Amino acid sequence: MRRRKSGKGRSGNVQHREAADAPAQAVAVKRALASQIEQAMNENRLSKGEMARRMETSRSQVNRLLDPESESVTLDTLARAAQAVGRSLKVEIVNT
């Protein structure tokens, strides 16, 4: 007699795939935010030094913020960067 396969393995694989995609999505979001912040800096003619002063941080932190490969940026830093260029940060969880 053949055993029927349960659907459990399939849903587990989907969940595993979604969990594996999360870091890639986070990097993509970080890149997009870094690009938007850099664009706003250019529109406002802000140097990295002035941006650092407005954010009350170091220029090296601004460099990390704008580096699309750097993953060491907190939501607080992103919010301060947005405020420094006259914008606000909106974070939300959406249905996929």
PDB file of N, CA and C in Angstrom:
ATOM      1  N   MET A   1       0.819  -1.171   0.000  1.00  0.00           N
ATOM      2  CA  MET A   1       0.000   0.000   0.000  1.00  0.00           C
ATOM      3  C   MET A   1       0.880   1.258   0.000  1.00  0.00           C
ATOM      4  N   ARG A   2       0.555   2.238  -0.838  1.00  0.00           N
ATOM      5  CA  ARG A   2       1.323   3.476  -0.906  1.00  0.00           C
ATOM      6  C   ARG A   2       0.805   4.477   0.102  1.00  0.00           C
ATOM      7  N   ARG A   3       1.737   5.173   0.692  1.00  0.00           N
ATOM      8  CA  ARG A   3       1.350   6.233   1.636  1.00  0.00           C
ATOM      9  C   ARG A   3       1.093   7.510   0.872  1.00  0.00           C
ATOM     10  N   ARG A   4       0.106   8.215   1.306  1.00  0.00           N
ATOM     11  CA  ARG A   4      -0.186   9.514   0.699  1.00  0.00           C
ATOM     12  C   ARG A   4       0.744  10.558   1.278  1.00  0.00           C
ATOM     13  N   LYS A   5       1.195  11.412   0.436  1.00  0.00           N
ATOM     14  CA  LYS A   5       2.045  12.501   0.905  1.00  0.00           C
ATOM     15  C   LYS A   5       1.180  13.579   1.521  1.00  0.00           C
ATOM     16  N   SER A   6       1.632  14.056   2.638  1.00  0.00           N
ATOM     17  CA  SER A   6       0.892  15.162   3.257  1.00  0.00           C
ATOM     18  C   SER A   6       1.358  16.466   2.638  1.00  0.00           C
ATOM     19  N   GLY A   7       0.592  17.504   2.779  1.00  0.00           N
ATOM     20  CA  GLY A   7       0.953  18.825   2.269  1.00  0.00           C
ATOM     21  C   GLY A   7       1.908  19.557   3.183  1.00  0.00           C
ATOM     22  N   LYS A   8       2.256  18.944   4.315  1.00  0.00           N
ATOM     23  CA  LYS A   8       3.087  19.632   5.304  1.00  0.00           C
ATOM     24  C   LYS A   8       4.453  20.003   4.744  1.00  0.00           C
ATOM     25  N   GLY A   9       5.053  19.127   3.991  1.00  0.00           N
ATOM     26  CA  GLY A   9       6.378  19.401   3.441  1.00  0.00           C
ATOM     27  C   GLY A   9       6.373  20.590   2.513  1.00  0.00           C
ATOM     28  N   ARG A  10       5.331  20.719   1.744  1.00  0.00           N
ATOM     29  CA  ARG A  10       5.248  21.827   0.794  1.00  0.00           C
ATOM     30  C   ARG A  10       5.120  23.162   1.494  1.00  0.00           C
ATOM     31  N   SER A  11       4.233  23.267   2.441  1.00  0.00           N
ATOM     32  CA  SER A  11       4.071  24.553   3.124  1.00  0.00           C
ATOM     33  C   SER A  11       5.326  24.905   3.905  1.00  0.00           C
ATOM     34  N   GLY A  12       5.989  23.905   4.439  1.00  0.00           N
ATOM     35  CA  GLY A  12       7.242  24.154   5.147  1.00  0.00           C
ATOM     36  C   GLY A  12       8.292  24.714   4.207  1.00  0.00           C
ATOM     37  N   ASN A  13       8.343  24.202   2.974  1.00  0.00           N
ATOM     38  CA  ASN A  13       9.293  24.714   1.998  1.00  0.00           C
ATOM     39  C   ASN A  13       8.971  26.151   1.616  1.00  0.00           C
ATOM     40  N   VAL A  14       7.713  26.471   1.476  1.00  0.00           N
ATOM     41  CA  VAL A  14       7.311  27.839   1.148  1.00  0.00           C
ATOM     42  C   VAL A  14       7.728  28.778   2.275  1.00  0.00           C
ATOM     43  N   GLN A  15       7.473  28.377   3.508  1.00  0.00           N
ATOM     44  CA  GLN A  15       7.863  29.217   4.636  1.00  0.00           C
ATOM     45  C   GLN A  15       9.368  29.372   4.688  1.00  0.00           C
ATOM     46  N   HIS A  16      10.102  28.313   4.407  1.00  0.00           N
ATOM     47  CA  HIS A  16      11.560  28.376   4.416  1.00  0.00           C
ATOM     48  C   HIS A  16      12.043  29.323   3.319  1.00  0.00           C
ATOM     49  N   ARG A  17      11.433  29.238   2.137  1.00  0.00           N
ATOM     50  CA  ARG A  17      11.799  30.111   1.028  1.00  0.00           C
ATOM     51  C   ARG A  17      11.525  31.570   1.376  1.00  0.00           C
ATOM     52  N   GLU A  18      10.372  31.843   1.987  1.00  0.00           N
ATOM     53  CA  GLU A  18      10.027  33.212   2.377  1.00  0.00           C
ATOM     54  C   GLU A  18      11.012  33.743   3.406  1.00  0.00           C
ATOM     55  N   ALA A  19      11.414  32.896   4.350  1.00  0.00           N
ATOM     56  CA  ALA A  19      12.377  33.317   5.368  1.00  0.00           C
ATOM     57  C   ALA A  19      13.730  33.596   4.730  1.00  0.00           C
ATOM     58  N   ALA A  20      14.096  32.816   3.736  1.00  0.00           N
ATOM     59  CA  ALA A  20      15.376  33.023   3.053  1.00  0.00           C
ATOM     60  C   ALA A  20      15.346  34.297   2.223  1.00  0.00           C
ATOM     61  N   ASP A  21      14.182  34.685   1.707  1.00  0.00           N
ATOM     62  CA  ASP A  21      14.055  35.899   0.902  1.00  0.00           C
ATOM     63  C   ASP A  21      14.099  37.164   1.748  1.00  0.00           C
ATOM     64  N   ALA A  22      13.805  37.077   3.034  1.00  0.00           N
ATOM     65  CA  ALA A  22      13.727  38.256   3.902  1.00  0.00           C
ATOM     66  C   ALA A  22      15.016  39.073   3.917  1.00  0.00           C
ATOM     67  N   PRO A  23      16.204  38.468   4.080  1.00  0.00           N
ATOM     68  CA  PRO A  23      17.429  39.280   4.062  1.00  0.00           C
ATOM     69  C   PRO A  23      17.636  40.002   2.733  1.00  0.00           C
ATOM     70  N   ALA A  24      17.312  39.352   1.635  1.00  0.00           N
ATOM     71  CA  ALA A  24      17.458  39.987   0.321  1.00  0.00           C
ATOM     72  C   ALA A  24      16.510  41.169   0.193  1.00  0.00           C
ATOM     73  N   GLN A  25      15.306  41.018   0.716  1.00  0.00           N
ATOM     74  CA  GLN A  25      14.347  42.121   0.687  1.00  0.00           C
ATOM     75  C   GLN A  25      14.824  43.276   1.548  1.00  0.00           C
ATOM     76  N   ALA A  26      15.405  42.968   2.700  1.00  0.00           N
ATOM     77  CA  ALA A  26      15.909  44.009   3.591  1.00  0.00           C
ATOM     78  C   ALA A  26      17.030  44.800   2.919  1.00  0.00           C
ATOM     79  N   VAL A  27      17.917  44.114   2.211  1.00  0.00           N
ATOM     80  CA  VAL A  27      19.001  44.785   1.502  1.00  0.00           C
ATOM     81  C   VAL A  27      18.429  45.677   0.399  1.00  0.00           C
ATOM     82  N   ALA A  28      17.425  45.187  -0.310  1.00  0.00           N
ATOM     83  CA  ALA A  28      16.802  45.978  -1.380  1.00  0.00           C
ATOM     84  C   ALA A  28      16.143  47.233  -0.822  1.00  0.00           C
ATOM     85  N   VAL A  29      15.479  47.099   0.314  1.00  0.00           N
ATOM     86  CA  VAL A  29      14.846  48.262   0.954  1.00  0.00           C
ATOM     87  C   VAL A  29      15.908  49.254   1.392  1.00  0.00           C
ATOM     88  N   LYS A  30      16.986  48.761   1.989  1.00  0.00           N
ATOM     89  CA  LYS A  30      18.077  49.627   2.442  1.00  0.00           C
ATOM     90  C   LYS A  30      18.674  50.386   1.264  1.00  0.00           C
ATOM     91  N   ARG A  31      18.896  49.696   0.144  1.00  0.00           N
ATOM     92  CA  ARG A  31      19.437  50.356  -1.048  1.00  0.00           C
ATOM     93  C   ARG A  31      18.505  51.460  -1.533  1.00  0.00           C
ATOM     94  N   ALA A  32      17.221  51.176  -1.573  1.00  0.00           N
ATOM     95  CA  ALA A  32      16.249  52.169  -2.032  1.00  0.00           C
ATOM     96  C   ALA A  32      16.237  53.385  -1.110  1.00  0.00           C
ATOM     97  N   LEU A  33      16.267  53.148   0.204  1.00  0.00           N
ATOM     98  CA  LEU A  33      16.268  54.259   1.155  1.00  0.00           C
ATOM     99  C   LEU A  33      17.544  55.082   1.051  1.00  0.00           C
ATOM    100  N   ALA A  34      18.682  54.421   0.900  1.00  0.00           N
ATOM    101  CA  ALA A  34      19.951  55.134   0.754  1.00  0.00           C
ATOM    102  C   ALA A  34      19.918  56.016  -0.486  1.00  0.00           C
ATOM    103  N   SER A  35      19.359  55.500  -1.561  1.00  0.00           N
ATOM    104  CA  SER A  35      19.249  56.265  -2.803  1.00  0.00           C
ATOM    105  C   SER A  35      18.339  57.477  -2.627  1.00  0.00           C
ATOM    106  N   GLN A  36      17.213  57.285  -1.947  1.00  0.00           N
ATOM    107  CA  GLN A  36      16.279  58.394  -1.723  1.00  0.00           C
ATOM    108  C   GLN A  36      16.893  59.470  -0.836  1.00  0.00           C
ATOM    109  N   ILE A  37      17.625  59.054   0.179  1.00  0.00           N
ATOM    110  CA  ILE A  37      18.265  60.021   1.069  1.00  0.00           C
ATOM    111  C   ILE A  37      19.344  60.787   0.312  1.00  0.00           C
ATOM    112  N   GLU A  38      20.137  60.079  -0.480  1.00  0.00           N
ATOM    113  CA  GLU A  38      21.185  60.746  -1.261  1.00  0.00           C
ATOM    114  C   GLU A  38      20.576  61.732  -2.261  1.00  0.00           C
ATOM    115  N   GLN A  39      19.475  61.343  -2.886  1.00  0.00           N
ATOM    116  CA  GLN A  39      18.790  62.236  -3.827  1.00  0.00           C
ATOM    117  C   GLN A  39      18.286  63.487  -3.107  1.00  0.00           C
ATOM    118  N   ALA A  40      17.713  63.314  -1.930  1.00  0.00           N
ATOM    119  CA  ALA A  40      17.229  64.463  -1.155  1.00  0.00           C
ATOM    120  C   ALA A  40      18.390  65.360  -0.721  1.00  0.00           C
ATOM    121  N   MET A  41      19.519  64.748  -0.381  1.00  0.00           N
ATOM    122  CA  MET A  41      20.707  65.542  -0.038  1.00  0.00           C
ATOM    123  C   MET A  41      21.131  66.393  -1.231  1.00  0.00           C
ATOM    124  N   ASN A  42      21.135  65.795  -2.413  1.00  0.00           N
ATOM    125  CA  ASN A  42      21.507  66.532  -3.620  1.00  0.00           C
ATOM    126  C   ASN A  42      20.525  67.666  -3.910  1.00  0.00           C
ATOM    127  N   GLU A  43      19.235  67.383  -3.762  1.00  0.00           N
ATOM    128  CA  GLU A  43      18.216  68.413  -3.990  1.00  0.00           C
ATOM    129  C   GLU A  43      18.394  69.589  -3.034  1.00  0.00           C
ATOM    130  N   ASN A  44      18.785  69.289  -1.794  1.00  0.00           N
ATOM    131  CA  ASN A  44      18.975  70.326  -0.780  1.00  0.00           C
ATOM    132  C   ASN A  44      20.413  70.851  -0.742  1.00  0.00           C
ATOM    133  N   ARG A  45      21.239  70.343  -1.651  1.00  0.00           N
ATOM    134  CA  ARG A  45      22.660  70.718  -1.734  1.00  0.00           C
ATOM    135  C   ARG A  45      23.376  70.560  -0.390  1.00  0.00           C
ATOM    136  N   LEU A  46      23.154  69.395   0.217  1.00  0.00           N
ATOM    137  CA  LEU A  46      23.779  69.100   1.509  1.00  0.00           C
ATOM    138  C   LEU A  46      25.013  68.229   1.312  1.00  0.00           C
ATOM    139  N   SER A  47      26.112  68.636   1.911  1.00  0.00           N
ATOM    140  CA  SER A  47      27.315  67.804   1.909  1.00  0.00           C
ATOM    141  C   SER A  47      27.165  66.710   2.972  1.00  0.00           C
ATOM    142  N   LYS A  48      28.038  65.724   2.925  1.00  0.00           N
ATOM    143  CA  LYS A  48      28.015  64.680   3.945  1.00  0.00           C
ATOM    144  C   LYS A  48      28.336  65.271   5.315  1.00  0.00           C
ATOM    145  N   GLY A  49      29.220  66.241   5.341  1.00  0.00           N
ATOM    146  CA  GLY A  49      29.557  66.891   6.608  1.00  0.00           C
ATOM    147  C   GLY A  49      28.366  67.621   7.210  1.00  0.00           C
ATOM    148  N   GLU A  50      27.628  68.345   6.379  1.00  0.00           N
ATOM    149  CA  GLU A  50      26.433  69.052   6.862  1.00  0.00           C
ATOM    150  C   GLU A  50      25.353  68.064   7.273  1.00  0.00           C
ATOM    151  N   MET A  51      25.238  66.988   6.516  1.00  0.00           N
ATOM    152  CA  MET A  51      24.258  65.944   6.865  1.00  0.00           C
ATOM    153  C   MET A  51      24.594  65.364   8.237  1.00  0.00           C
ATOM    154  N   ALA A  52      25.863  65.081   8.468  1.00  0.00           N
ATOM    155  CA  ALA A  52      26.303  64.535   9.758  1.00  0.00           C
ATOM    156  C   ALA A  52      25.990  65.520  10.879  1.00  0.00           C
ATOM    157  N   ARG A  53      26.232  66.800  10.636  1.00  0.00           N
ATOM    158  CA  ARG A  53      25.953  67.812  11.661  1.00  0.00           C
ATOM    159  C   ARG A  53      24.458  67.831  11.989  1.00  0.00           C
ATOM    160  N   ARG A  54      23.625  67.820  10.955  1.00  0.00           N
ATOM    161  CA  ARG A  54      22.171  67.846  11.175  1.00  0.00           C
ATOM    162  C   ARG A  54      21.673  66.593  11.891  1.00  0.00           C
ATOM    163  N   MET A  55      22.319  65.470  11.618  1.00  0.00           N
ATOM    164  CA  MET A  55      21.919  64.213  12.251  1.00  0.00           C
ATOM    165  C   MET A  55      22.555  64.030  13.621  1.00  0.00           C
ATOM    166  N   GLU A  56      23.469  64.926  13.970  1.00  0.00           N
ATOM    167  CA  GLU A  56      24.223  64.830  15.222  1.00  0.00           C
ATOM    168  C   GLU A  56      24.959  63.501  15.301  1.00  0.00           C
ATOM    169  N   THR A  57      25.708  63.216  14.221  1.00  0.00           N
ATOM    170  CA  THR A  57      26.473  61.981  14.137  1.00  0.00           C
ATOM    171  C   THR A  57      27.776  62.268  13.400  1.00  0.00           C
ATOM    172  N   SER A  58      28.512  61.222  13.102  1.00  0.00           N
ATOM    173  CA  SER A  58      29.792  61.381  12.399  1.00  0.00           C
ATOM    174  C   SER A  58      29.606  61.245  10.888  1.00  0.00           C
ATOM    175  N   ARG A  59      30.586  61.755  10.172  1.00  0.00           N
ATOM    176  CA  ARG A  59      30.550  61.622   8.715  1.00  0.00           C
ATOM    177  C   ARG A  59      30.676  60.147   8.317  1.00  0.00           C
ATOM    178  N   SER A  60      31.417  59.368   9.079  1.00  0.00           N
ATOM    179  CA  SER A  60      31.533  57.946   8.754  1.00  0.00           C
ATOM    180  C   SER A  60      30.184  57.240   8.875  1.00  0.00           C
ATOM    181  N   GLN A  61      29.351  57.684   9.816  1.00  0.00           N
ATOM    182  CA  GLN A  61      28.003  57.113   9.938  1.00  0.00           C
ATOM    183  C   GLN A  61      27.165  57.477   8.711  1.00  0.00           C
ATOM    184  N   VAL A  62      27.329  58.699   8.215  1.00  0.00           N
ATOM    185  CA  VAL A  62      26.615  59.105   6.996  1.00  0.00           C
ATOM    186  C   VAL A  62      27.100  58.257   5.821  1.00  0.00           C
ATOM    187  N   ASN A  63      28.404  57.994   5.752  1.00  0.00           N
ATOM    188  CA  ASN A  63      28.930  57.131   4.691  1.00  0.00           C
ATOM    189  C   ASN A  63      28.310  55.744   4.759  1.00  0.00           C
ATOM    190  N   ARG A  64      28.171  55.178   5.957  1.00  0.00           N
ATOM    191  CA  ARG A  64      27.537  53.857   6.115  1.00  0.00           C
ATOM    192  C   ARG A  64      26.065  53.927   5.698  1.00  0.00           C
ATOM    193  N   LEU A  65      25.415  55.008   6.059  1.00  0.00           N
ATOM    194  CA  LEU A  65      24.008  55.199   5.705  1.00  0.00           C
ATOM    195  C   LEU A  65      23.825  55.190   4.185  1.00  0.00           C
ATOM    196  N   LEU A  66      24.713  55.863   3.482  1.00  0.00           N
ATOM    197  CA  LEU A  66      24.589  55.988   2.037  1.00  0.00           C
ATOM    198  C   LEU A  66      25.182  54.812   1.274  1.00  0.00           C
ATOM    199  N   ASP A  67      25.921  53.950   1.945  1.00  0.00           N
ATOM    200  CA  ASP A  67      26.531  52.780   1.300  1.00  0.00           C
ATOM    201  C   ASP A  67      25.460  51.713   1.079  1.00  0.00           C
ATOM    202  N   PRO A  68      25.124  51.408  -0.179  1.00  0.00           N
ATOM    203  CA  PRO A  68      24.060  50.426  -0.423  1.00  0.00           C
ATOM    204  C   PRO A  68      24.404  49.018   0.050  1.00  0.00           C
ATOM    205  N   GLU A  69      25.684  48.726   0.249  1.00  0.00           N
ATOM    206  CA  GLU A  69      26.096  47.398   0.698  1.00  0.00           C
ATOM    207  C   GLU A  69      26.094  47.263   2.223  1.00  0.00           C
ATOM    208  N   SER A  70      26.108  48.374   2.937  1.00  0.00           N
ATOM    209  CA  SER A  70      26.144  48.345   4.394  1.00  0.00           C
ATOM    210  C   SER A  70      24.777  47.993   4.954  1.00  0.00           C
ATOM    211  N   GLU A  71      24.761  47.027   5.857  1.00  0.00           N
ATOM    212  CA  GLU A  71      23.501  46.604   6.480  1.00  0.00           C
ATOM    213  C   GLU A  71      23.413  47.064   7.932  1.00  0.00           C
ATOM    214  N   SER A  72      24.365  47.889   8.368  1.00  0.00           N
ATOM    215  CA  SER A  72      24.437  48.266   9.784  1.00  0.00           C
ATOM    216  C   SER A  72      23.791  49.623  10.051  1.00  0.00           C
ATOM    217  N   VAL A  73      22.605  49.817   9.519  1.00  0.00           N
ATOM    218  CA  VAL A  73      21.893  51.080   9.721  1.00  0.00           C
ATOM    219  C   VAL A  73      20.602  50.784  10.469  1.00  0.00           C
ATOM    220  N   THR A  74      20.360  51.549  11.528  1.00  0.00           N
ATOM    221  CA  THR A  74      19.159  51.328  12.338  1.00  0.00           C
ATOM    222  C   THR A  74      18.005  52.193  11.839  1.00  0.00           C
ATOM    223  N   LEU A  75      16.814  51.848  12.282  1.00  0.00           N
ATOM    224  CA  LEU A  75      15.646  52.670  11.953  1.00  0.00           C
ATOM    225  C   LEU A  75      15.793  54.078  12.511  1.00  0.00           C
ATOM    226  N   ASP A  76      16.391  54.192  13.683  1.00  0.00           N
ATOM    227  CA  ASP A  76      16.613  55.509  14.272  1.00  0.00           C
ATOM    228  C   ASP A  76      17.497  56.368  13.366  1.00  0.00           C
ATOM    229  N   THR A  77      18.558  55.783  12.844  1.00  0.00           N
ATOM    230  CA  THR A  77      19.455  56.507  11.944  1.00  0.00           C
ATOM    231  C   THR A  77      18.722  56.916  10.676  1.00  0.00           C
ATOM    232  N   LEU A  78      17.928  56.023  10.117  1.00  0.00           N
ATOM    233  CA  LEU A  78      17.153  56.347   8.921  1.00  0.00           C
ATOM    234  C   LEU A  78      16.157  57.475   9.191  1.00  0.00           C
ATOM    235  N   ALA A  79      15.523  57.444  10.351  1.00  0.00           N
ATOM    236  CA  ALA A  79      14.565  58.493  10.711  1.00  0.00           C
ATOM    237  C   ALA A  79      15.266  59.843  10.872  1.00  0.00           C
ATOM    238  N   ARG A  80      16.441  59.842  11.510  1.00  0.00           N
ATOM    239  CA  ARG A  80      17.193  61.098  11.669  1.00  0.00           C
ATOM    240  C   ARG A  80      17.675  61.624  10.326  1.00  0.00           C
ATOM    241  N   ALA A  81      18.061  60.726   9.431  1.00  0.00           N
ATOM    242  CA  ALA A  81      18.486  61.134   8.094  1.00  0.00           C
ATOM    243  C   ALA A  81      17.329  61.748   7.321  1.00  0.00           C
ATOM    244  N   ALA A  82      16.177  61.126   7.404  1.00  0.00           N
ATOM    245  CA  ALA A  82      14.996  61.666   6.727  1.00  0.00           C
ATOM    246  C   ALA A  82      14.666  63.057   7.260  1.00  0.00           C
ATOM    247  N   GLN A  83      14.708  63.208   8.563  1.00  0.00           N
ATOM    248  CA  GLN A  83      14.422  64.509   9.174  1.00  0.00           C
ATOM    249  C   GLN A  83      15.453  65.556   8.741  1.00  0.00           C
ATOM    250  N   ALA A  84      16.706  65.149   8.624  1.00  0.00           N
ATOM    251  CA  ALA A  84      17.776  66.072   8.250  1.00  0.00           C
ATOM    252  C   ALA A  84      17.585  66.637   6.843  1.00  0.00           C
ATOM    253  N   VAL A  85      16.893  65.886   5.979  1.00  0.00           N
ATOM    254  CA  VAL A  85      16.633  66.368   4.619  1.00  0.00           C
ATOM    255  C   VAL A  85      15.198  66.863   4.446  1.00  0.00           C
ATOM    256  N   GLY A  86      14.512  67.061   5.566  1.00  0.00           N
ATOM    257  CA  GLY A  86      13.153  67.611   5.520  1.00  0.00           C
ATOM    258  C   GLY A  86      12.084  66.613   5.125  1.00  0.00           C
ATOM    259  N   ARG A  87      12.346  65.374   5.375  1.00  0.00           N
ATOM    260  CA  ARG A  87      11.373  64.313   5.055  1.00  0.00           C
ATOM    261  C   ARG A  87      11.056  63.532   6.319  1.00  0.00           C
ATOM    262  N   SER A  88      10.145  62.579   6.201  1.00  0.00           N
ATOM    263  CA  SER A  88       9.872  61.687   7.324  1.00  0.00           C
ATOM    264  C   SER A  88       9.956  60.253   6.836  1.00  0.00           C
ATOM    265  N   LEU A  89      10.192  59.367   7.759  1.00  0.00           N
ATOM    266  CA  LEU A  89      10.308  57.941   7.454  1.00  0.00           C
ATOM    267  C   LEU A  89       9.007  57.254   7.811  1.00  0.00           C
ATOM    268  N   LYS A  90       8.503  56.465   6.904  1.00  0.00           N
ATOM    269  CA  LYS A  90       7.281  55.710   7.158  1.00  0.00           C
ATOM    270  C   LYS A  90       7.601  54.233   6.993  1.00  0.00           C
ATOM    271  N   VAL A  91       7.358  53.454   8.036  1.00  0.00           N
ATOM    272  CA  VAL A  91       7.612  52.016   8.016  1.00  0.00           C
ATOM    273  C   VAL A  91       6.278  51.323   8.254  1.00  0.00           C
ATOM    274  N   GLU A  92       5.967  50.352   7.410  1.00  0.00           N
ATOM    275  CA  GLU A  92       4.714  49.627   7.612  1.00  0.00           C
ATOM    276  C   GLU A  92       4.883  48.172   7.185  1.00  0.00           C
ATOM    277  N   ILE A  93       4.048  47.349   7.726  1.00  0.00           N
ATOM    278  CA  ILE A  93       4.012  45.931   7.363  1.00  0.00           C
ATOM    279  C   ILE A  93       2.803  45.753   6.454  1.00  0.00           C
ATOM    280  N   VAL A  94       3.026  45.119   5.317  1.00  0.00           N
ATOM    281  CA  VAL A  94       1.947  44.960   4.336  1.00  0.00           C
ATOM    282  C   VAL A  94       1.706  43.492   4.058  1.00  0.00           C
ATOM    283  N   ASN A  95       0.535  43.192   3.586  1.00  0.00           N
ATOM    284  CA  ASN A  95       0.199  41.819   3.177  1.00  0.00           C
ATOM    285  C   ASN A  95       0.933  41.503   1.890  1.00  0.00           C
ATOM    286  N   THR A  96       1.404  40.283   1.796  1.00  0.00           N
ATOM    287  CA  THR A  96       2.078  39.880   0.549  1.00  0.00           C
ATOM    288  C   THR A  96       1.259  38.897  -0.214  1.00  0.00           C
TER     289      THR A  96
END
